[in-house]
N, C-alpha and C. Protein backbone atom coordinates (compact mmCIF):
# COMPACT_ATOMS: atom_id res chain seq x y z
N MET A 1 -30.57 -0.52 7.45
CA MET A 1 -29.65 -0.72 6.37
C MET A 1 -29.47 -2.19 6.15
N ASN A 2 -29.58 -2.70 4.93
CA ASN A 2 -29.47 -4.09 4.58
C ASN A 2 -28.01 -4.33 4.21
N TRP A 3 -27.39 -5.21 4.98
CA TRP A 3 -25.99 -5.57 4.75
C TRP A 3 -25.82 -6.72 3.80
N PHE A 4 -26.90 -7.41 3.40
CA PHE A 4 -26.80 -8.66 2.67
C PHE A 4 -27.64 -8.46 1.38
N SER A 5 -27.33 -9.20 0.36
CA SER A 5 -28.18 -9.21 -0.86
C SER A 5 -29.10 -10.49 -0.65
N SER A 6 -30.30 -10.36 -1.23
CA SER A 6 -31.26 -11.44 -1.09
C SER A 6 -31.26 -12.20 -2.42
N GLY A 7 -31.38 -13.50 -2.35
CA GLY A 7 -31.41 -14.36 -3.55
C GLY A 7 -31.93 -15.67 -3.20
N ALA A 8 -32.09 -16.50 -4.18
CA ALA A 8 -32.62 -17.86 -4.11
C ALA A 8 -31.80 -18.67 -3.09
N GLN A 9 -30.49 -18.40 -3.04
CA GLN A 9 -29.57 -19.17 -2.16
C GLN A 9 -29.45 -18.53 -0.75
N GLY A 10 -30.34 -17.49 -0.43
CA GLY A 10 -30.23 -16.84 0.84
C GLY A 10 -29.48 -15.53 0.67
N LYS A 11 -29.19 -14.87 1.82
CA LYS A 11 -28.43 -13.67 1.83
C LYS A 11 -27.02 -14.01 1.84
N LYS A 12 -26.25 -13.30 0.90
CA LYS A 12 -24.82 -13.63 0.77
C LYS A 12 -24.02 -12.39 1.16
N PHE A 13 -22.92 -12.71 1.80
CA PHE A 13 -21.89 -11.62 1.99
C PHE A 13 -20.50 -12.14 1.78
N LEU A 14 -19.62 -11.24 1.39
CA LEU A 14 -18.29 -11.61 1.03
C LEU A 14 -17.35 -11.14 2.16
N LEU A 15 -16.46 -11.99 2.60
CA LEU A 15 -15.44 -11.71 3.62
C LEU A 15 -14.04 -11.59 2.90
N ILE A 16 -13.33 -10.53 3.18
CA ILE A 16 -11.99 -10.41 2.71
C ILE A 16 -11.09 -10.37 3.97
N ASP A 17 -10.11 -11.26 3.98
CA ASP A 17 -9.22 -11.37 5.20
C ASP A 17 -7.76 -11.05 4.73
N ILE A 18 -7.32 -9.92 5.20
CA ILE A 18 -5.93 -9.55 4.89
C ILE A 18 -5.09 -9.79 6.11
N ALA A 19 -4.29 -10.85 6.03
CA ALA A 19 -3.46 -11.30 7.13
C ALA A 19 -2.01 -10.91 6.85
N SER A 20 -1.08 -11.39 7.73
CA SER A 20 0.29 -11.03 7.51
C SER A 20 1.11 -11.91 6.53
N ASP A 21 0.52 -12.98 6.11
CA ASP A 21 1.25 -13.82 5.16
C ASP A 21 0.40 -14.23 4.00
N SER A 22 -0.89 -13.83 3.96
CA SER A 22 -1.80 -14.17 2.88
C SER A 22 -3.03 -13.33 2.88
N VAL A 23 -3.73 -13.29 1.74
CA VAL A 23 -4.97 -12.59 1.58
C VAL A 23 -6.02 -13.56 1.16
N GLY A 24 -7.15 -13.59 1.84
CA GLY A 24 -8.15 -14.64 1.60
C GLY A 24 -9.55 -13.96 1.40
N ALA A 25 -10.45 -14.77 0.77
CA ALA A 25 -11.84 -14.37 0.65
C ALA A 25 -12.72 -15.58 0.90
N GLY A 26 -13.92 -15.34 1.39
CA GLY A 26 -14.88 -16.36 1.53
C GLY A 26 -16.30 -15.79 1.33
N LEU A 27 -17.15 -16.62 0.77
CA LEU A 27 -18.52 -16.24 0.49
C LEU A 27 -19.39 -17.02 1.42
N VAL A 28 -20.26 -16.33 2.18
CA VAL A 28 -21.13 -16.99 3.15
C VAL A 28 -22.57 -16.62 2.81
N ALA A 29 -23.41 -17.75 2.80
CA ALA A 29 -24.87 -17.58 2.62
C ALA A 29 -25.54 -17.64 3.95
N MET A 30 -26.52 -16.84 4.20
CA MET A 30 -27.26 -16.82 5.43
C MET A 30 -28.73 -17.14 5.13
N PHE A 31 -29.18 -18.19 5.76
CA PHE A 31 -30.59 -18.63 5.60
C PHE A 31 -31.34 -18.44 6.92
N PRO A 32 -32.65 -18.10 6.91
CA PRO A 32 -33.45 -17.92 8.13
C PRO A 32 -33.40 -19.19 8.96
N ASN A 33 -33.20 -19.03 10.26
CA ASN A 33 -33.27 -20.17 11.19
C ASN A 33 -32.22 -21.31 10.86
N ALA A 34 -31.12 -20.87 10.34
CA ALA A 34 -30.06 -21.92 10.02
C ALA A 34 -28.67 -21.34 10.25
N LYS A 35 -27.71 -22.19 10.39
CA LYS A 35 -26.36 -21.71 10.47
C LYS A 35 -25.86 -21.15 9.21
N PRO A 36 -24.94 -20.18 9.19
CA PRO A 36 -24.34 -19.67 7.95
C PRO A 36 -23.70 -20.82 7.14
N THR A 37 -23.78 -20.74 5.85
CA THR A 37 -23.21 -21.77 4.99
C THR A 37 -22.08 -21.16 4.20
N LEU A 38 -20.86 -21.70 4.36
CA LEU A 38 -19.74 -21.26 3.66
C LEU A 38 -19.75 -21.85 2.23
N LEU A 39 -19.81 -20.91 1.24
CA LEU A 39 -19.95 -21.41 -0.16
C LEU A 39 -18.61 -21.74 -0.79
N PHE A 40 -17.59 -20.86 -0.47
CA PHE A 40 -16.26 -21.14 -0.96
C PHE A 40 -15.24 -20.29 -0.24
N THR A 41 -14.01 -20.70 -0.19
CA THR A 41 -12.93 -19.85 0.23
C THR A 41 -11.81 -19.94 -0.72
N VAL A 42 -10.98 -18.89 -0.77
CA VAL A 42 -9.78 -18.89 -1.66
C VAL A 42 -8.78 -17.95 -0.94
N ARG A 43 -7.51 -18.34 -1.09
CA ARG A 43 -6.47 -17.58 -0.41
C ARG A 43 -5.28 -17.49 -1.39
N GLU A 44 -4.61 -16.27 -1.35
CA GLU A 44 -3.41 -15.96 -2.12
C GLU A 44 -2.34 -15.59 -1.11
N SER A 45 -1.11 -16.19 -1.35
CA SER A 45 0.02 -15.93 -0.51
C SER A 45 0.59 -14.63 -0.78
N ILE A 46 1.15 -13.96 0.27
CA ILE A 46 1.93 -12.76 0.18
C ILE A 46 3.40 -13.20 0.04
N VAL A 47 4.05 -12.77 -1.01
CA VAL A 47 5.45 -13.22 -1.25
C VAL A 47 6.35 -12.27 -0.45
N CYS A 48 7.11 -12.90 0.49
CA CYS A 48 8.03 -12.11 1.27
C CYS A 48 9.39 -12.05 0.68
N ALA A 49 10.01 -10.93 0.86
CA ALA A 49 11.42 -10.71 0.42
C ALA A 49 12.39 -11.23 1.42
N PRO A 50 13.58 -11.56 1.07
CA PRO A 50 14.58 -12.02 2.05
C PRO A 50 14.78 -11.01 3.15
N ARG A 51 14.75 -9.69 2.82
CA ARG A 51 14.79 -8.63 3.79
C ARG A 51 13.55 -7.89 3.73
N LEU A 52 12.68 -8.08 4.76
CA LEU A 52 11.36 -7.53 4.74
C LEU A 52 11.31 -6.06 5.14
N GLU A 53 10.82 -5.25 4.34
CA GLU A 53 10.65 -3.84 4.68
C GLU A 53 9.20 -3.46 4.53
N PRO A 54 8.74 -2.47 5.26
CA PRO A 54 7.31 -2.09 5.20
C PRO A 54 6.83 -1.74 3.85
N LYS A 55 7.62 -1.04 3.03
CA LYS A 55 7.20 -0.60 1.64
C LYS A 55 7.00 -1.91 0.80
N HIS A 56 7.98 -2.80 0.88
CA HIS A 56 7.81 -4.03 0.08
C HIS A 56 6.61 -4.86 0.57
N PHE A 57 6.45 -4.96 1.91
CA PHE A 57 5.32 -5.68 2.47
C PHE A 57 3.97 -5.16 1.96
N PHE A 58 3.87 -3.85 1.96
CA PHE A 58 2.60 -3.17 1.51
C PHE A 58 2.44 -3.51 0.02
N LEU A 59 3.41 -3.41 -0.81
CA LEU A 59 3.25 -3.67 -2.25
C LEU A 59 2.95 -5.19 -2.47
N ALA A 60 3.62 -6.02 -1.72
CA ALA A 60 3.38 -7.44 -1.90
C ALA A 60 1.92 -7.86 -1.48
N THR A 61 1.44 -7.17 -0.39
CA THR A 61 0.07 -7.40 0.03
C THR A 61 -0.95 -6.89 -0.99
N LEU A 62 -0.64 -5.77 -1.51
CA LEU A 62 -1.49 -5.16 -2.59
C LEU A 62 -1.52 -6.06 -3.86
N HIS A 63 -0.38 -6.68 -4.21
CA HIS A 63 -0.29 -7.57 -5.30
C HIS A 63 -1.10 -8.80 -5.05
N ALA A 64 -1.03 -9.37 -3.87
CA ALA A 64 -1.76 -10.56 -3.49
C ALA A 64 -3.30 -10.27 -3.53
N LEU A 65 -3.70 -9.08 -3.05
CA LEU A 65 -5.09 -8.71 -3.03
C LEU A 65 -5.60 -8.52 -4.47
N THR A 66 -4.82 -7.96 -5.34
CA THR A 66 -5.22 -7.82 -6.69
C THR A 66 -5.34 -9.16 -7.40
N ALA A 67 -4.44 -10.06 -7.16
CA ALA A 67 -4.52 -11.41 -7.67
C ALA A 67 -5.74 -12.17 -7.17
N LEU A 68 -6.05 -11.95 -5.85
CA LEU A 68 -7.22 -12.63 -5.30
C LEU A 68 -8.52 -12.10 -5.92
N CYS A 69 -8.63 -10.77 -6.14
CA CYS A 69 -9.82 -10.21 -6.74
C CYS A 69 -9.97 -10.65 -8.23
N GLU A 70 -8.83 -10.69 -8.94
CA GLU A 70 -8.92 -11.23 -10.30
C GLU A 70 -9.45 -12.63 -10.34
N HIS A 71 -8.92 -13.49 -9.44
CA HIS A 71 -9.38 -14.85 -9.32
C HIS A 71 -10.88 -14.95 -8.96
N LEU A 72 -11.35 -14.08 -8.12
CA LEU A 72 -12.79 -14.11 -7.72
C LEU A 72 -13.64 -13.76 -8.93
N PHE A 73 -13.25 -12.71 -9.68
CA PHE A 73 -14.06 -12.28 -10.81
C PHE A 73 -13.98 -13.29 -11.96
N GLN A 74 -12.85 -14.02 -12.11
CA GLN A 74 -12.78 -14.97 -13.20
C GLN A 74 -13.45 -16.29 -12.86
N THR A 75 -13.35 -16.74 -11.61
CA THR A 75 -13.72 -18.10 -11.23
C THR A 75 -15.11 -18.08 -10.53
N HIS A 76 -15.42 -17.14 -9.74
CA HIS A 76 -16.57 -17.11 -8.94
C HIS A 76 -17.57 -15.99 -9.21
N ARG A 77 -17.55 -15.47 -10.48
CA ARG A 77 -18.38 -14.27 -10.86
C ARG A 77 -19.79 -14.57 -10.57
N ALA A 78 -20.37 -15.71 -10.94
CA ALA A 78 -21.77 -16.03 -10.73
C ALA A 78 -22.10 -16.11 -9.31
N ASP A 79 -21.21 -16.65 -8.45
CA ASP A 79 -21.45 -16.76 -7.01
C ASP A 79 -21.53 -15.40 -6.32
N ILE A 80 -20.66 -14.47 -6.70
CA ILE A 80 -20.53 -13.14 -6.02
C ILE A 80 -21.44 -12.13 -6.64
N ALA A 81 -22.13 -12.50 -7.72
CA ALA A 81 -23.03 -11.51 -8.45
C ALA A 81 -24.01 -10.81 -7.56
N GLY A 82 -24.58 -11.52 -6.61
CA GLY A 82 -25.61 -10.89 -5.77
C GLY A 82 -25.08 -10.21 -4.54
N VAL A 83 -23.83 -10.16 -4.30
CA VAL A 83 -23.28 -9.58 -3.08
C VAL A 83 -23.26 -8.04 -3.26
N LYS A 84 -23.89 -7.36 -2.34
CA LYS A 84 -23.86 -5.92 -2.34
C LYS A 84 -22.92 -5.34 -1.40
N ARG A 85 -22.53 -6.05 -0.34
CA ARG A 85 -21.60 -5.53 0.64
C ARG A 85 -20.62 -6.62 1.04
N MET A 86 -19.42 -6.14 1.55
CA MET A 86 -18.47 -7.13 2.03
C MET A 86 -17.82 -6.62 3.33
N HIS A 87 -17.30 -7.47 4.07
CA HIS A 87 -16.59 -7.18 5.29
C HIS A 87 -15.08 -7.41 5.11
N ILE A 88 -14.29 -6.45 5.45
CA ILE A 88 -12.81 -6.60 5.29
C ILE A 88 -12.19 -6.68 6.68
N PHE A 89 -11.40 -7.69 6.93
CA PHE A 89 -10.67 -7.89 8.15
C PHE A 89 -9.15 -7.60 7.86
N LEU A 90 -8.64 -6.67 8.48
CA LEU A 90 -7.20 -6.28 8.30
C LEU A 90 -6.48 -6.63 9.59
N HIS A 91 -5.52 -7.59 9.54
CA HIS A 91 -4.79 -7.96 10.66
C HIS A 91 -3.48 -7.22 10.73
N ALA A 92 -2.96 -7.04 11.94
CA ALA A 92 -1.70 -6.38 12.14
C ALA A 92 -0.61 -7.19 11.45
N PRO A 93 0.33 -6.44 10.80
CA PRO A 93 1.39 -7.25 10.06
C PRO A 93 2.52 -7.74 11.01
N TRP A 94 2.15 -8.72 11.87
CA TRP A 94 3.13 -9.22 12.83
C TRP A 94 4.39 -9.78 12.16
N VAL A 95 4.26 -10.20 10.94
CA VAL A 95 5.44 -10.80 10.25
C VAL A 95 6.54 -9.79 10.17
N VAL A 96 6.15 -8.49 9.94
CA VAL A 96 7.13 -7.46 9.70
C VAL A 96 7.98 -7.30 11.01
N SER A 97 7.38 -7.40 12.14
CA SER A 97 8.02 -7.15 13.41
C SER A 97 8.72 -8.41 13.99
N LYS A 98 8.21 -9.57 13.59
CA LYS A 98 8.70 -10.81 14.28
C LYS A 98 9.60 -11.66 13.38
N MET A 99 9.43 -11.52 12.06
CA MET A 99 10.17 -12.45 11.20
C MET A 99 11.57 -12.01 11.02
N ARG A 100 12.51 -12.90 11.06
CA ARG A 100 13.91 -12.58 10.82
C ARG A 100 14.53 -13.61 9.98
N SER A 101 15.36 -13.23 8.99
CA SER A 101 16.05 -14.18 8.21
C SER A 101 17.45 -14.32 8.73
N VAL A 102 17.89 -15.60 8.93
CA VAL A 102 19.20 -15.87 9.45
C VAL A 102 19.95 -16.67 8.39
N ARG A 103 21.03 -16.09 7.95
CA ARG A 103 21.86 -16.88 6.91
C ARG A 103 23.30 -17.06 7.45
N THR A 104 23.51 -18.17 7.92
CA THR A 104 24.81 -18.42 8.46
C THR A 104 25.05 -19.92 8.61
N ASP A 105 26.26 -20.38 8.73
CA ASP A 105 26.57 -21.77 9.05
C ASP A 105 27.05 -21.86 10.49
N PHE A 106 26.36 -22.73 11.21
CA PHE A 106 26.77 -22.92 12.60
C PHE A 106 27.70 -24.15 12.68
N PRO A 107 28.84 -24.03 13.39
CA PRO A 107 29.72 -25.16 13.51
C PRO A 107 29.23 -26.33 14.40
N GLU A 108 28.23 -26.01 15.19
CA GLU A 108 27.67 -26.99 16.07
C GLU A 108 26.16 -26.65 16.33
N VAL A 109 25.46 -27.53 16.90
CA VAL A 109 24.04 -27.29 17.21
C VAL A 109 23.85 -26.01 17.99
N THR A 110 23.02 -25.10 17.50
CA THR A 110 22.87 -23.80 18.11
C THR A 110 21.41 -23.58 18.39
N THR A 111 21.10 -22.92 19.50
CA THR A 111 19.78 -22.45 19.81
C THR A 111 19.67 -20.93 19.55
N LEU A 112 18.71 -20.61 18.72
CA LEU A 112 18.48 -19.20 18.44
C LEU A 112 17.54 -18.61 19.43
N THR A 113 17.89 -17.57 20.08
CA THR A 113 17.05 -16.88 21.04
C THR A 113 16.68 -15.51 20.51
N PRO A 114 15.63 -14.93 21.09
CA PRO A 114 15.32 -13.50 20.63
C PRO A 114 16.52 -12.52 20.87
N ASP A 115 17.32 -12.69 21.86
CA ASP A 115 18.47 -11.89 22.08
C ASP A 115 19.48 -12.04 20.99
N ALA A 116 19.67 -13.31 20.58
CA ALA A 116 20.67 -13.59 19.51
C ALA A 116 20.18 -12.96 18.17
N LEU A 117 18.89 -13.02 17.94
CA LEU A 117 18.33 -12.47 16.70
C LEU A 117 18.40 -10.94 16.70
N ALA A 118 18.25 -10.36 17.86
CA ALA A 118 18.29 -8.83 17.94
C ALA A 118 19.68 -8.32 17.72
N SER A 119 20.67 -9.12 17.94
CA SER A 119 22.09 -8.58 17.75
C SER A 119 22.52 -8.63 16.42
């Protein structure tokens, strides 16, 4: 099975990276007996809500992925024209479990600890 398209610029493949705070893409060209060449990268931020919930996070991620794909097709159409396959990397949404919003005024210098955030 051929995972790459062949062209004058070598074999190209598209990488899609879905992380916990942004969605990115990169186009890589592979040449015989050479290191891979990164042709371009682009990244779209995932807009987080003040109170992060899984449903909102999923919709915000989907919105960022849609915006990224629209950008790819509008700006890099000629570059990605020969790509037949892509690799998608999906990272665990650690932001959902670790990010906390704290809105308060502290009367003195205060250290926030995981225990304080959990309460």
